[in-house]
Amino acid sequence: MRLDQARLGIRLAHQAIENAVRTGQRTQPPDDLPAVFDEVGGVFVTLHTALLRGCVGHPYPDQKIKAALIDAAISAALYDYRFPAVTADELSHLKVEITLLTKPQRITDINSIIIGKHGLIVKKGHRQGLLLPQVATEYGWTRQEFVDQTYVKAGLMPGERDVELFEFEGQVFSEVQPGGEIIELIP
């Protein structure tokens, strides 16, 4: 996705959040979005105020980007179980970040993981944990710490056996400040 297209995506996420918070209604995507929004892909929306405020998405390419983006934005604002729902008073303070994901690929050797480039998914039975590529960089983790923290996110003990490990790449765009300039964090 190009930067100009990402601006439209972040604007769409803001509109979806505002509409859901203020009216309880789901935003419909405009008809004039670029073709990239009609592609099927994984998407995450991360919200920040001073701290993380919500992060929800679709790790697998299961719907069009425009629909996944609206769904992830609303879910991050209202349904991330780790946080109370975003209020109308917070809307002008939300910084939106979107991550477009490649299809996850199963790996058997953690040495293929590149910090700052790959995100991870760990699966075992009904448990699953996902960490986006930017998380390891933000925390300064080593490859092993990144893997271990993904296990923890899944509710598993690091090093637990009989797990599936997947890596994916993410293209990350973020507002520098709420409603401000948009930059590409990870190409």
C-alpha atoms as a PDB file:
ATOM      1  CA  MET A   1       0.000   0.000   0.000  1.00  0.00           C
ATOM      2  CA  ARG A   2       1.235   3.473  -0.804  1.00  0.00           C
ATOM      3  CA  LEU A   3       1.335   6.279   1.755  1.00  0.00           C
ATOM      4  CA  ASP A   4      -1.525   8.191   0.091  1.00  0.00           C
ATOM      5  CA  GLN A   5      -3.659   5.036   0.267  1.00  0.00           C
ATOM      6  CA  ALA A   6      -2.710   4.504   3.911  1.00  0.00           C
ATOM      7  CA  ARG A   7      -3.982   8.025   4.660  1.00  0.00           C
ATOM      8  CA  LEU A   8      -7.366   6.948   3.302  1.00  0.00           C
ATOM      9  CA  GLY A   9      -7.216   3.767   5.382  1.00  0.00           C
ATOM     10  CA  ILE A  10      -6.476   5.642   8.594  1.00  0.00           C
ATOM     11  CA  ARG A  11      -9.219   8.166   7.816  1.00  0.00           C
ATOM     12  CA  LEU A  12     -11.634   5.259   7.255  1.00  0.00           C
ATOM     13  CA  ALA A  13     -10.599   3.742  10.599  1.00  0.00           C
ATOM     14  CA  HIS A  14     -11.208   7.069  12.365  1.00  0.00           C
ATOM     15  CA  GLN A  15     -14.630   7.386  10.717  1.00  0.00           C
ATOM     16  CA  ALA A  16     -15.581   3.838  11.687  1.00  0.00           C
ATOM     17  CA  ILE A  17     -14.551   4.406  15.312  1.00  0.00           C
ATOM     18  CA  GLU A  18     -16.310   7.764  15.591  1.00  0.00           C
ATOM     19  CA  ASN A  19     -19.500   6.463  14.016  1.00  0.00           C
ATOM     20  CA  ALA A  20     -19.554   3.366  16.241  1.00  0.00           C
ATOM     21  CA  VAL A  21     -18.833   5.333  19.426  1.00  0.00           C
ATOM     22  CA  ARG A  22     -21.282   8.183  18.729  1.00  0.00           C
ATOM     23  CA  THR A  23     -24.150   6.319  17.034  1.00  0.00           C
ATOM     24  CA  GLY A  24     -23.548   2.593  17.470  1.00  0.00           C
ATOM     25  CA  GLN A  25     -23.711   2.240  13.693  1.00  0.00           C
ATOM     26  CA  ARG A  26     -21.256   0.471  11.406  1.00  0.00           C
ATOM     27  CA  THR A  27     -19.577   2.644   8.769  1.00  0.00           C
ATOM     28  CA  GLN A  28     -19.897   1.565   5.167  1.00  0.00           C
ATOM     29  CA  PRO A  29     -16.782   2.008   3.028  1.00  0.00           C
ATOM     30  CA  PRO A  30     -16.986   4.693   0.349  1.00  0.00           C
ATOM     31  CA  ASP A  31     -17.344   3.503  -3.232  1.00  0.00           C
ATOM     32  CA  ASP A  32     -14.360   5.501  -4.474  1.00  0.00           C
ATOM     33  CA  LEU A  33     -11.581   3.784  -2.504  1.00  0.00           C
ATOM     34  CA  PRO A  34      -8.540   2.624  -4.516  1.00  0.00           C
ATOM     35  CA  ALA A  35      -8.540  -0.981  -5.738  1.00  0.00           C
ATOM     36  CA  VAL A  36      -6.050  -2.053  -3.017  1.00  0.00           C
ATOM     37  CA  PHE A  37      -8.912  -1.832  -0.487  1.00  0.00           C
ATOM     38  CA  ASP A  38     -10.814  -4.516  -2.429  1.00  0.00           C
ATOM     39  CA  GLU A  39      -7.938  -6.978  -2.070  1.00  0.00           C
ATOM     40  CA  VAL A  40      -8.298  -9.716   0.545  1.00  0.00           C
ATOM     41  CA  GLY A  41      -5.794  -9.363   3.352  1.00  0.00           C
ATOM     42  CA  GLY A  42      -5.015  -9.449   7.040  1.00  0.00           C
ATOM     43  CA  VAL A  43      -5.295  -6.147   8.899  1.00  0.00           C
ATOM     44  CA  PHE A  44      -4.718  -4.878  12.436  1.00  0.00           C
ATOM     45  CA  VAL A  45      -5.718  -1.535  13.928  1.00  0.00           C
ATOM     46  CA  THR A  46      -3.813  -0.264  16.954  1.00  0.00           C
ATOM     47  CA  LEU A  47      -5.024   2.704  18.979  1.00  0.00           C
ATOM     48  CA  HIS A  48      -2.885   4.868  21.236  1.00  0.00           C
ATOM     49  CA  THR A  49      -3.545   7.790  23.532  1.00  0.00           C
ATOM     50  CA  ALA A  50      -0.624   8.284  25.889  1.00  0.00           C
ATOM     51  CA  LEU A  51      -0.506   4.467  26.107  1.00  0.00           C
ATOM     52  CA  LEU A  52      -1.846   1.528  24.134  1.00  0.00           C
ATOM     53  CA  ARG A  53      -5.637   1.876  23.987  1.00  0.00           C
ATOM     54  CA  GLY A  54      -6.642  -1.089  21.831  1.00  0.00           C
ATOM     55  CA  CYS A  55      -5.319  -3.482  19.206  1.00  0.00           C
ATOM     56  CA  VAL A  56      -7.496  -5.907  17.275  1.00  0.00           C
ATOM     57  CA  GLY A  57      -7.389  -7.346  13.797  1.00  0.00           C
ATOM     58  CA  HIS A  58      -7.696 -10.123  11.301  1.00  0.00           C
ATOM     59  CA  PRO A  59      -4.445 -12.110  11.131  1.00  0.00           C
ATOM     60  CA  TYR A  60      -5.591 -14.163   8.159  1.00  0.00           C
ATOM     61  CA  PRO A  61      -6.698 -12.918   4.745  1.00  0.00           C
ATOM     62  CA  ASP A  62     -10.397 -13.668   5.215  1.00  0.00           C
ATOM     63  CA  GLN A  63     -12.108 -10.579   3.768  1.00  0.00           C
ATOM     64  CA  LYS A  64     -11.516  -7.424   1.757  1.00  0.00           C
ATOM     65  CA  ILE A  65      -9.124  -4.952   3.370  1.00  0.00           C
ATOM     66  CA  LYS A  66     -11.793  -2.236   3.562  1.00  0.00           C
ATOM     67  CA  ALA A  67     -14.184  -4.478   5.526  1.00  0.00           C
ATOM     68  CA  ALA A  68     -11.408  -5.881   7.739  1.00  0.00           C
ATOM     69  CA  LEU A  69     -10.168  -2.351   8.452  1.00  0.00           C
ATOM     70  CA  ILE A  70     -13.601  -1.117   9.545  1.00  0.00           C
ATOM     71  CA  ASP A  71     -14.171  -4.227  11.662  1.00  0.00           C
ATOM     72  CA  ALA A  72     -10.732  -4.051  13.291  1.00  0.00           C
ATOM     73  CA  ALA A  73     -11.074  -0.322  14.038  1.00  0.00           C
ATOM     74  CA  ILE A  74     -14.451  -0.761  15.734  1.00  0.00           C
ATOM     75  CA  SER A  75     -13.257  -3.835  17.617  1.00  0.00           C
ATOM     76  CA  ALA A  76     -10.066  -2.105  18.813  1.00  0.00           C
ATOM     77  CA  ALA A  77     -12.106   0.851  20.085  1.00  0.00           C
ATOM     78  CA  LEU A  78     -15.009  -1.007  21.669  1.00  0.00           C
ATOM     79  CA  TYR A  79     -14.267  -4.696  22.126  1.00  0.00           C
ATOM     80  CA  ASP A  80     -10.591  -5.185  23.068  1.00  0.00           C
ATOM     81  CA  TYR A  81     -11.164  -7.070  26.345  1.00  0.00           C
ATOM     82  CA  ARG A  82      -8.025  -5.534  27.872  1.00  0.00           C
ATOM     83  CA  PHE A  83      -9.426  -1.992  27.852  1.00  0.00           C
ATOM     84  CA  PRO A  84     -12.696  -0.175  28.537  1.00  0.00           C
ATOM     85  CA  ALA A  85     -14.547   0.990  25.437  1.00  0.00           C
ATOM     86  CA  VAL A  86     -13.358   4.246  23.890  1.00  0.00           C
ATOM     87  CA  THR A  87     -15.598   7.175  24.823  1.00  0.00           C
ATOM     88  CA  ALA A  88     -16.660  10.156  22.719  1.00  0.00           C
ATOM     89  CA  ASP A  89     -14.390  12.385  24.829  1.00  0.00           C
ATOM     90  CA  GLU A  90     -11.359  10.321  23.762  1.00  0.00           C
ATOM     91  CA  LEU A  91     -11.963  10.462  20.010  1.00  0.00           C
ATOM     92  CA  SER A  92      -9.819  13.539  19.349  1.00  0.00           C
ATOM     93  CA  HIS A  93      -6.961  11.997  21.368  1.00  0.00           C
ATOM     94  CA  LEU A  94      -6.746   8.676  19.488  1.00  0.00           C
ATOM     95  CA  LYS A  95      -3.700   8.002  17.348  1.00  0.00           C
ATOM     96  CA  VAL A  96      -4.452   5.290  14.773  1.00  0.00           C
ATOM     97  CA  GLU A  97      -1.935   2.800  13.397  1.00  0.00           C
ATOM     98  CA  ILE A  98      -2.784   0.237  10.720  1.00  0.00           C
ATOM     99  CA  THR A  99      -0.807  -2.890   9.905  1.00  0.00           C
ATOM    100  CA  LEU A 100      -1.365  -4.802   6.666  1.00  0.00           C
ATOM    101  CA  LEU A 101      -0.301  -8.428   7.042  1.00  0.00           C
ATOM    102  CA  THR A 102       1.046 -10.946   4.591  1.00  0.00           C
ATOM    103  CA  LYS A 103      -0.339 -14.467   4.807  1.00  0.00           C
ATOM    104  CA  PRO A 104       1.219 -16.238   7.828  1.00  0.00           C
ATOM    105  CA  GLN A 105       3.746 -18.971   6.940  1.00  0.00           C
ATOM    106  CA  ARG A 106       4.535 -21.873   9.244  1.00  0.00           C
ATOM    107  CA  ILE A 107       8.146 -22.034  10.412  1.00  0.00           C
ATOM    108  CA  THR A 108      10.157 -24.642  12.286  1.00  0.00           C
ATOM    109  CA  ASP A 109      13.352 -22.658  12.895  1.00  0.00           C
ATOM    110  CA  ILE A 110      13.198 -19.388  14.811  1.00  0.00           C
ATOM    111  CA  ASN A 111      16.424 -18.277  13.144  1.00  0.00           C
ATOM    112  CA  SER A 112      14.335 -17.246  10.113  1.00  0.00           C
ATOM    113  CA  ILE A 113      12.648 -14.532  12.214  1.00  0.00           C
ATOM    114  CA  ILE A 114      13.895 -11.018  11.493  1.00  0.00           C
ATOM    115  CA  ILE A 115      13.190  -8.547  14.301  1.00  0.00           C
ATOM    116  CA  GLY A 116      11.379  -5.487  12.974  1.00  0.00           C
ATOM    117  CA  LYS A 117      10.236  -7.335   9.850  1.00  0.00           C
ATOM    118  CA  HIS A 118       8.326 -10.395  11.053  1.00  0.00           C
ATOM    119  CA  GLY A 119       5.344 -10.767  13.315  1.00  0.00           C
ATOM    120  CA  LEU A 120       4.580 -14.081  15.020  1.00  0.00           C
ATOM    121  CA  ILE A 121       1.634 -16.343  15.708  1.00  0.00           C
ATOM    122  CA  VAL A 122       1.833 -19.268  18.126  1.00  0.00           C
ATOM    123  CA  LYS A 123      -0.944 -21.891  18.102  1.00  0.00           C
ATOM    124  CA  LYS A 124      -1.644 -24.890  20.280  1.00  0.00           C
ATOM    125  CA  GLY A 125      -5.112 -26.360  20.329  1.00  0.00           C
ATOM    126  CA  HIS A 126      -7.591 -23.553  20.926  1.00  0.00           C
ATOM    127  CA  ARG A 127      -4.882 -21.190  22.219  1.00  0.00           C
ATOM    128  CA  GLN A 128      -3.362 -18.617  19.912  1.00  0.00           C
ATOM    129  CA  GLY A 129      -1.157 -15.589  20.439  1.00  0.00           C
ATOM    130  CA  LEU A 130      -0.090 -12.963  17.932  1.00  0.00           C
ATOM    131  CA  LEU A 131       2.452 -10.159  18.172  1.00  0.00           C
ATOM    132  CA  LEU A 132       2.861  -7.638  15.362  1.00  0.00           C
ATOM    133  CA  PRO A 133       6.329  -6.948  13.860  1.00  0.00           C
ATOM    134  CA  GLN A 134       6.644  -3.552  15.547  1.00  0.00           C
ATOM    135  CA  VAL A 135       6.209  -5.003  19.068  1.00  0.00           C
ATOM    136  CA  ALA A 136       9.632  -6.650  19.258  1.00  0.00           C
ATOM    137  CA  THR A 137      11.286  -3.449  18.089  1.00  0.00           C
ATOM    138  CA  GLU A 138       9.333  -1.278  20.543  1.00  0.00           C
ATOM    139  CA  TYR A 139      10.444  -3.452  23.462  1.00  0.00           C
ATOM    140  CA  GLY A 140      13.977  -4.124  22.216  1.00  0.00           C
ATOM    141  CA  TRP A 141      13.477  -7.893  22.347  1.00  0.00           C
ATOM    142  CA  THR A 142      15.850 -10.503  21.005  1.00  0.00           C
ATOM    143  CA  ARG A 143      14.492 -13.153  18.671  1.00  0.00           C
ATOM    144  CA  GLN A 144      14.098 -15.614  21.577  1.00  0.00           C
ATOM    145  CA  GLU A 145      12.354 -13.029  23.763  1.00  0.00           C
ATOM    146  CA  PHE A 146       9.959 -12.280  20.902  1.00  0.00           C
ATOM    147  CA  VAL A 147       9.109 -15.972  20.527  1.00  0.00           C
ATOM    148  CA  ASP A 148       8.737 -16.388  24.301  1.00  0.00           C
ATOM    149  CA  GLN A 149       6.444 -13.367  24.595  1.00  0.00           C
ATOM    150  CA  THR A 150       4.266 -14.703  21.770  1.00  0.00           C
ATOM    151  CA  TYR A 151       3.903 -17.952  23.744  1.00  0.00           C
ATOM    152  CA  VAL A 152       2.900 -15.918  26.797  1.00  0.00           C
ATOM    153  CA  LYS A 153       0.344 -13.983  24.717  1.00  0.00           C
ATOM    154  CA  ALA A 154      -1.176 -17.351  23.780  1.00  0.00           C
ATOM    155  CA  GLY A 155      -1.340 -18.361  27.446  1.00  0.00           C
ATOM    156  CA  LEU A 156       1.434 -20.918  26.979  1.00  0.00           C
ATOM    157  CA  MET A 157       4.719 -21.477  28.773  1.00  0.00           C
ATOM    158  CA  PRO A 158       7.749 -20.466  26.668  1.00  0.00           C
ATOM    159  CA  GLY A 159       9.317 -23.544  25.106  1.00  0.00           C
ATOM    160  CA  GLU A 160       6.141 -25.598  25.404  1.00  0.00           C
ATOM    161  CA  ARG A 161       6.082 -28.496  22.941  1.00  0.00           C
ATOM    162  CA  ASP A 162       3.647 -29.368  20.168  1.00  0.00           C
ATOM    163  CA  VAL A 163       3.003 -25.801  19.082  1.00  0.00           C
ATOM    164  CA  GLU A 164       2.736 -24.316  15.622  1.00  0.00           C
ATOM    165  CA  LEU A 165       4.751 -21.172  14.952  1.00  0.00           C
ATOM    166  CA  PHE A 166       3.981 -18.838  12.068  1.00  0.00           C
ATOM    167  CA  GLU A 167       5.695 -15.690  10.831  1.00  0.00           C
ATOM    168  CA  PHE A 168       4.252 -12.929   8.711  1.00  0.00           C
ATOM    169  CA  GLU A 169       5.309  -9.505   7.522  1.00  0.00           C
ATOM    170  CA  GLY A 170       3.471  -6.294   8.196  1.00  0.00           C
ATOM    171  CA  GLN A 171       3.396  -2.954   6.446  1.00  0.00           C
ATOM    172  CA  VAL A 172       2.782  -0.406   9.210  1.00  0.00           C
ATOM    173  CA  PHE A 173       1.420   3.126   8.901  1.00  0.00           C
ATOM    174  CA  SER A 174       0.810   5.433  11.844  1.00  0.00           C
ATOM    175  CA  GLU A 175      -0.246   8.931  12.710  1.00  0.00           C
ATOM    176  CA  VAL A 176       2.575  10.888  14.336  1.00  0.00           C
ATOM    177  CA  GLN A 177      -0.054  12.528  16.550  1.00  0.00           C
ATOM    178  CA  PRO A 178      -3.848  12.172  16.667  1.00  0.00           C
ATOM    179  CA  GLY A 179      -5.271  13.380  13.365  1.00  0.00           C
ATOM    180  CA  GLY A 180      -1.793  14.450  12.209  1.00  0.00           C
ATOM    181  CA  GLU A 181       0.823  13.462   9.679  1.00  0.00           C
ATOM    182  CA  ILE A 182       0.912   9.806   8.650  1.00  0.00           C
ATOM    183  CA  ILE A 183       4.198   7.968   8.253  1.00  0.00           C
ATOM    184  CA  GLU A 184       5.224   4.475   7.205  1.00  0.00           C
ATOM    185  CA  LEU A 185       6.901   2.761  10.156  1.00  0.00           C
ATOM    186  CA  ILE A 186       7.657  -0.568   8.470  1.00  0.00           C
ATOM    187  CA  PRO A 187       7.647  -0.839   4.661  1.00  0.00           C
END
